[in-house]
PDB file of N, CA and C in Angstrom:
ATOM      1  N   MET A   1     -23.462 -38.635   0.434  1.00  0.00           N
ATOM      2  CA  MET A   1     -22.161 -38.085   0.751  1.00  0.00           C
ATOM      3  C   MET A   1     -21.383 -37.748  -0.518  1.00  0.00           C
ATOM      4  N   LYS A   2     -21.680 -38.487  -1.616  1.00  0.00           N
ATOM      5  CA  LYS A   2     -20.967 -38.236  -2.863  1.00  0.00           C
ATOM      6  C   LYS A   2     -21.240 -36.835  -3.388  1.00  0.00           C
ATOM      7  N   ASN A   3     -22.442 -36.348  -3.213  1.00  0.00           N
ATOM      8  CA  ASN A   3     -22.830 -35.066  -3.790  1.00  0.00           C
ATOM      9  C   ASN A   3     -22.245 -33.874  -3.037  1.00  0.00           C
ATOM     10  N   ILE A   4     -21.856 -34.073  -1.804  1.00  0.00           N
ATOM     11  CA  ILE A   4     -21.369 -32.939  -1.013  1.00  0.00           C
ATOM     12  C   ILE A   4     -19.873 -32.684  -1.241  1.00  0.00           C
ATOM     13  N   LYS A   5     -19.129 -33.662  -1.708  1.00  0.00           N
ATOM     14  CA  LYS A   5     -17.684 -33.488  -1.894  1.00  0.00           C
ATOM     15  C   LYS A   5     -17.334 -32.396  -2.904  1.00  0.00           C
ATOM     16  N   PRO A   6     -17.994 -32.322  -4.067  1.00  0.00           N
ATOM     17  CA  PRO A   6     -17.673 -31.219  -4.983  1.00  0.00           C
ATOM     18  C   PRO A   6     -17.983 -29.849  -4.375  1.00  0.00           C
ATOM     19  N   PHE A   7     -19.079 -29.780  -3.616  1.00  0.00           N
ATOM     20  CA  PHE A   7     -19.437 -28.514  -2.966  1.00  0.00           C
ATOM     21  C   PHE A   7     -18.378 -28.111  -1.946  1.00  0.00           C
ATOM     22  N   LEU A   8     -17.928 -29.067  -1.150  1.00  0.00           N
ATOM     23  CA  LEU A   8     -16.899 -28.765  -0.148  1.00  0.00           C
ATOM     24  C   LEU A   8     -15.581 -28.377  -0.808  1.00  0.00           C
ATOM     25  N   GLY A   9     -15.276 -28.997  -1.945  1.00  0.00           N
ATOM     26  CA  GLY A   9     -14.063 -28.634  -2.675  1.00  0.00           C
ATOM     27  C   GLY A   9     -14.119 -27.195  -3.162  1.00  0.00           C
ATOM     28  N   LYS A  10     -15.274 -26.789  -3.692  1.00  0.00           N
ATOM     29  CA  LYS A  10     -15.435 -25.407  -4.159  1.00  0.00           C
ATOM     30  C   LYS A  10     -15.408 -24.434  -2.988  1.00  0.00           C
ATOM     31  N   LEU A  11     -16.062 -24.827  -1.899  1.00  0.00           N
ATOM     32  CA  LEU A  11     -16.074 -23.979  -0.705  1.00  0.00           C
ATOM     33  C   LEU A  11     -14.654 -23.784  -0.174  1.00  0.00           C
ATOM     34  N   TRP A  12     -13.854 -24.855  -0.196  1.00  0.00           N
ATOM     35  CA  TRP A  12     -12.466 -24.776   0.263  1.00  0.00           C
ATOM     36  C   TRP A  12     -11.658 -23.831  -0.614  1.00  0.00           C
ATOM     37  N   LYS A  13     -11.848 -23.891  -1.942  1.00  0.00           N
ATOM     38  CA  LYS A  13     -11.129 -23.004  -2.855  1.00  0.00           C
ATOM     39  C   LYS A  13     -11.503 -21.548  -2.607  1.00  0.00           C
ATOM     40  N   VAL A  14     -12.786 -21.283  -2.418  1.00  0.00           N
ATOM     41  CA  VAL A  14     -13.232 -19.912  -2.137  1.00  0.00           C
ATOM     42  C   VAL A  14     -12.621 -19.424  -0.829  1.00  0.00           C
ATOM     43  N   TRP A  15     -12.615 -20.268   0.189  1.00  0.00           N
ATOM     44  CA  TRP A  15     -12.041 -19.907   1.485  1.00  0.00           C
ATOM     45  C   TRP A  15     -10.548 -19.590   1.356  1.00  0.00           C
ATOM     46  N   MET A  16      -9.818 -20.382   0.586  1.00  0.00           N
ATOM     47  CA  MET A  16      -8.389 -20.145   0.396  1.00  0.00           C
ATOM     48  C   MET A  16      -8.136 -18.826  -0.345  1.00  0.00           C
ATOM     49  N   TRP A  17      -8.936 -18.524  -1.372  1.00  0.00           N
ATOM     50  CA  TRP A  17      -8.790 -17.251  -2.085  1.00  0.00           C
ATOM     51  C   TRP A  17      -9.059 -16.079  -1.150  1.00  0.00           C
ATOM     52  N   LEU A  18     -10.109 -16.188  -0.335  1.00  0.00           N
ATOM     53  CA  LEU A  18     -10.417 -15.103   0.607  1.00  0.00           C
ATOM     54  C   LEU A  18      -9.287 -14.916   1.618  1.00  0.00           C
ATOM     55  N   CYS A  19      -8.771 -16.005   2.143  1.00  0.00           N
ATOM     56  CA  CYS A  19      -7.665 -15.909   3.109  1.00  0.00           C
ATOM     57  C   CYS A  19      -6.420 -15.317   2.457  1.00  0.00           C
ATOM     58  N   THR A  20      -6.148 -15.721   1.226  1.00  0.00           N
ATOM     59  CA  THR A  20      -4.976 -15.209   0.523  1.00  0.00           C
ATOM     60  C   THR A  20      -5.074 -13.703   0.340  1.00  0.00           C
ATOM     61  N   PHE A  21      -6.217 -13.224  -0.117  1.00  0.00           N
ATOM     62  CA  PHE A  21      -6.367 -11.788  -0.329  1.00  0.00           C
ATOM     63  C   PHE A  21      -6.437 -11.024   0.987  1.00  0.00           C
ATOM     64  N   ALA A  22      -7.032 -11.625   2.012  1.00  0.00           N
ATOM     65  CA  ALA A  22      -7.136 -10.952   3.308  1.00  0.00           C
ATOM     66  C   ALA A  22      -5.766 -10.771   3.951  1.00  0.00           C
ATOM     67  N   VAL A  23      -4.815 -11.626   3.625  1.00  0.00           N
ATOM     68  CA  VAL A  23      -3.465 -11.506   4.179  1.00  0.00           C
ATOM     69  C   VAL A  23      -2.561 -10.717   3.238  1.00  0.00           C
ATOM     70  N   THR A  24      -2.656 -10.985   1.952  1.00  0.00           N
ATOM     71  CA  THR A  24      -1.733 -10.398   0.984  1.00  0.00           C
ATOM     72  C   THR A  24      -1.934  -8.902   0.810  1.00  0.00           C
ATOM     73  N   VAL A  25      -3.159  -8.467   0.641  1.00  0.00           N
ATOM     74  CA  VAL A  25      -3.416  -7.045   0.370  1.00  0.00           C
ATOM     75  C   VAL A  25      -2.949  -6.159   1.526  1.00  0.00           C
ATOM     76  N   PRO A  26      -3.320  -6.434   2.773  1.00  0.00           N
ATOM     77  CA  PRO A  26      -2.802  -5.588   3.860  1.00  0.00           C
ATOM     78  C   PRO A  26      -1.284  -5.668   4.016  1.00  0.00           C
ATOM     79  N   LEU A  27      -0.712  -6.836   3.766  1.00  0.00           N
ATOM     80  CA  LEU A  27       0.737  -6.984   3.890  1.00  0.00           C
ATOM     81  C   LEU A  27       1.466  -6.149   2.844  1.00  0.00           C
ATOM     82  N   VAL A  28       0.997  -6.179   1.614  1.00  0.00           N
ATOM     83  CA  VAL A  28       1.609  -5.377   0.552  1.00  0.00           C
ATOM     84  C   VAL A  28       1.432  -3.887   0.845  1.00  0.00           C
ATOM     85  N   ALA A  29       0.258  -3.498   1.342  1.00  0.00           N
ATOM     86  CA  ALA A  29       0.027  -2.095   1.681  1.00  0.00           C
ATOM     87  C   ALA A  29       0.963  -1.643   2.802  1.00  0.00           C
ATOM     88  N   LEU A  30       1.154  -2.473   3.798  1.00  0.00           N
ATOM     89  CA  LEU A  30       2.041  -2.125   4.910  1.00  0.00           C
ATOM     90  C   LEU A  30       3.486  -1.993   4.442  1.00  0.00           C
ATOM     91  N   ILE A  31       3.935  -2.903   3.618  1.00  0.00           N
ATOM     92  CA  ILE A  31       5.302  -2.830   3.092  1.00  0.00           C
ATOM     93  C   ILE A  31       5.474  -1.574   2.246  1.00  0.00           C
ATOM     94  N   GLY A  32       4.466  -1.244   1.449  1.00  0.00           N
ATOM     95  CA  GLY A  32       4.527  -0.031   0.634  1.00  0.00           C
ATOM     96  C   GLY A  32       4.635   1.220   1.487  1.00  0.00           C
ATOM     97  N   LEU A  33       3.887   1.273   2.577  1.00  0.00           N
ATOM     98  CA  LEU A  33       3.961   2.438   3.463  1.00  0.00           C
ATOM     99  C   LEU A  33       5.321   2.542   4.143  1.00  0.00           C
ATOM    100  N   LEU A  34       5.906   1.414   4.468  1.00  0.00           N
ATOM    101  CA  LEU A  34       7.213   1.434   5.122  1.00  0.00           C
ATOM    102  C   LEU A  34       8.334   1.823   4.166  1.00  0.00           C
ATOM    103  N   LEU A  35       8.170   1.503   2.888  1.00  0.00           N
ATOM    104  CA  LEU A  35       9.228   1.777   1.926  1.00  0.00           C
ATOM    105  C   LEU A  35       9.162   3.177   1.327  1.00  0.00           C
ATOM    106  N   VAL A  36       8.037   3.865   1.486  1.00  0.00           N
ATOM    107  CA  VAL A  36       7.910   5.192   0.889  1.00  0.00           C
ATOM    108  C   VAL A  36       8.833   6.164   1.634  1.00  0.00           C
ATOM    109  N   ASP A  37       9.427   7.083   0.902  1.00  0.00           N
ATOM    110  CA  ASP A  37      10.331   8.079   1.482  1.00  0.00           C
ATOM    111  C   ASP A  37       9.578   8.898   2.530  1.00  0.00           C
ATOM    112  N   PRO A  38      10.108   9.038   3.737  1.00  0.00           N
ATOM    113  CA  PRO A  38       9.386   9.767   4.776  1.00  0.00           C
ATOM    114  C   PRO A  38       9.122  11.226   4.415  1.00  0.00           C
ATOM    115  N   PHE A  39       9.905  11.789   3.520  1.00  0.00           N
ATOM    116  CA  PHE A  39       9.706  13.179   3.136  1.00  0.00           C
ATOM    117  C   PHE A  39       8.852  13.316   1.880  1.00  0.00           C
ATOM    118  N   PHE A  40       8.350  12.202   1.348  1.00  0.00           N
ATOM    119  CA  PHE A  40       7.634  12.235   0.075  1.00  0.00           C
ATOM    120  C   PHE A  40       6.466  13.213   0.105  1.00  0.00           C
ATOM    121  N   PHE A  41       5.635  13.133   1.140  1.00  0.00           N
ATOM    122  CA  PHE A  41       4.448  13.983   1.189  1.00  0.00           C
ATOM    123  C   PHE A  41       4.820  15.438   1.461  1.00  0.00           C
ATOM    124  N   GLN A  42       5.887  15.666   2.219  1.00  0.00           N
ATOM    125  CA  GLN A  42       6.353  17.032   2.446  1.00  0.00           C
ATOM    126  C   GLN A  42       6.898  17.623   1.152  1.00  0.00           C
ATOM    127  N   ILE A  43       7.635  16.835   0.397  1.00  0.00           N
ATOM    128  CA  ILE A  43       8.182  17.304  -0.878  1.00  0.00           C
ATOM    129  C   ILE A  43       7.047  17.630  -1.832  1.00  0.00           C
ATOM    130  N   ASP A  44       6.058  16.768  -1.896  1.00  0.00           N
ATOM    131  CA  ASP A  44       4.928  16.956  -2.802  1.00  0.00           C
ATOM    132  C   ASP A  44       4.165  18.235  -2.465  1.00  0.00           C
ATOM    133  N   SER A  45       3.880  18.460  -1.198  1.00  0.00           N
ATOM    134  CA  SER A  45       3.140  19.667  -0.829  1.00  0.00           C
ATOM    135  C   SER A  45       3.988  20.922  -1.029  1.00  0.00           C
ATOM    136  N   CYS A  46       5.298  20.810  -0.847  1.00  0.00           N
ATOM    137  CA  CYS A  46       6.193  21.943  -1.082  1.00  0.00           C
ATOM    138  C   CYS A  46       6.168  22.343  -2.553  1.00  0.00           C
ATOM    139  N   LEU A  47       6.288  21.354  -3.435  1.00  0.00           N
ATOM    140  CA  LEU A  47       6.290  21.646  -4.866  1.00  0.00           C
ATOM    141  C   LEU A  47       4.930  22.151  -5.335  1.00  0.00           C
ATOM    142  N   ASP A  48       3.857  21.634  -4.749  1.00  0.00           N
ATOM    143  CA  ASP A  48       2.515  22.113  -5.097  1.00  0.00           C
ATOM    144  C   ASP A  48       2.326  23.571  -4.708  1.00  0.00           C
ATOM    145  N   ALA A  49       2.972  23.984  -3.618  1.00  0.00           N
ATOM    146  CA  ALA A  49       2.845  25.366  -3.151  1.00  0.00           C
ATOM    147  C   ALA A  49       3.767  26.312  -3.915  1.00  0.00           C
ATOM    148  N   GLY A  50       4.568  25.770  -4.830  1.00  0.00           N
ATOM    149  CA  GLY A  50       5.450  26.616  -5.627  1.00  0.00           C
ATOM    150  C   GLY A  50       6.821  26.803  -5.023  1.00  0.00           C
ATOM    151  N   GLY A  51       7.150  25.983  -4.045  1.00  0.00           N
ATOM    152  CA  GLY A  51       8.462  26.081  -3.409  1.00  0.00           C
ATOM    153  C   GLY A  51       9.480  25.185  -4.086  1.00  0.00           C
ATOM    154  N   ARG A  52      10.663  25.167  -3.487  1.00  0.00           N
ATOM    155  CA  ARG A  52      11.759  24.340  -3.998  1.00  0.00           C
ATOM    156  C   ARG A  52      12.285  23.513  -2.834  1.00  0.00           C
ATOM    157  N   TRP A  53      12.407  22.212  -3.016  1.00  0.00           N
ATOM    158  CA  TRP A  53      12.857  21.327  -1.946  1.00  0.00           C
ATOM    159  C   TRP A  53      14.376  21.267  -1.925  1.00  0.00           C
ATOM    160  N   ASN A  54      14.964  21.516  -0.755  1.00  0.00           N
ATOM    161  CA  ASN A  54      16.409  21.445  -0.569  1.00  0.00           C
ATOM    162  C   ASN A  54      16.738  20.077   0.029  1.00  0.00           C
ATOM    163  N   ASP A  55      17.420  19.235  -0.754  1.00  0.00           N
ATOM    164  CA  ASP A  55      17.741  17.877  -0.308  1.00  0.00           C
ATOM    165  C   ASP A  55      18.793  17.846   0.795  1.00  0.00           C
ATOM    166  N   GLU A  56      19.628  18.850   0.863  1.00  0.00           N
ATOM    167  CA  GLU A  56      20.699  18.842   1.862  1.00  0.00           C
ATOM    168  C   GLU A  56      20.159  19.035   3.274  1.00  0.00           C
ATOM    169  N   ILE A  57      19.170  19.899   3.418  1.00  0.00           N
ATOM    170  CA  ILE A  57      18.620  20.163   4.752  1.00  0.00           C
ATOM    171  C   ILE A  57      17.216  19.594   4.925  1.00  0.00           C
ATOM    172  N   ASN A  58      16.679  18.969   3.869  1.00  0.00           N
ATOM    173  CA  ASN A  58      15.338  18.375   3.888  1.00  0.00           C
ATOM    174  C   ASN A  58      14.277  19.373   4.337  1.00  0.00           C
ATOM    175  N   LYS A  59      14.316  20.540   3.724  1.00  0.00           N
ATOM    176  CA  LYS A  59      13.322  21.575   4.021  1.00  0.00           C
ATOM    177  C   LYS A  59      12.864  22.236   2.741  1.00  0.00           C
ATOM    178  N   CYS A  60      11.695  22.844   2.830  1.00  0.00           N
ATOM    179  CA  CYS A  60      11.122  23.548   1.686  1.00  0.00           C
ATOM    180  C   CYS A  60      11.619  24.990   1.690  1.00  0.00           C
ATOM    181  N   GLU A  61      12.063  25.438   0.532  1.00  0.00           N
ATOM    182  CA  GLU A  61      12.475  26.833   0.397  1.00  0.00           C
ATOM    183  C   GLU A  61      11.428  27.541  -0.441  1.00  0.00           C
ATOM    184  N   LYS A  62      10.819  28.544   0.143  1.00  0.00           N
ATOM    185  CA  LYS A  62       9.787  29.297  -0.571  1.00  0.00           C
ATOM    186  C   LYS A  62      10.447  30.230  -1.574  1.00  0.00           C
ATOM    187  N   LEU A  63       9.944  30.188  -2.786  1.00  0.00           N
ATOM    188  CA  LEU A  63      10.454  31.077  -3.824  1.00  0.00           C
ATOM    189  C   LEU A  63       9.648  32.368  -3.806  1.00  0.00           C
ATOM    190  N   LEU A  64      10.305  33.462  -4.156  1.00  0.00           N
ATOM    191  CA  LEU A  64       9.614  34.757  -4.146  1.00  0.00           C
ATOM    192  C   LEU A  64       8.689  34.902  -5.293  1.00  0.00           C
TER     193      LEU A  64
END
């Protein structure tokens, strides 16, 4: 029984690290998605297309 205690201690540490990352990573990702500006991707695609984003009406204005 003496020889199994160090193994169980290491197994417990590995299990705790896995649980921590399995909970923390998705939680941080979810919070990041909730905090991102809802117009961020629309603004990015507007600017990539050569347009100008109007903050007052939250729409893309195409430049000639």
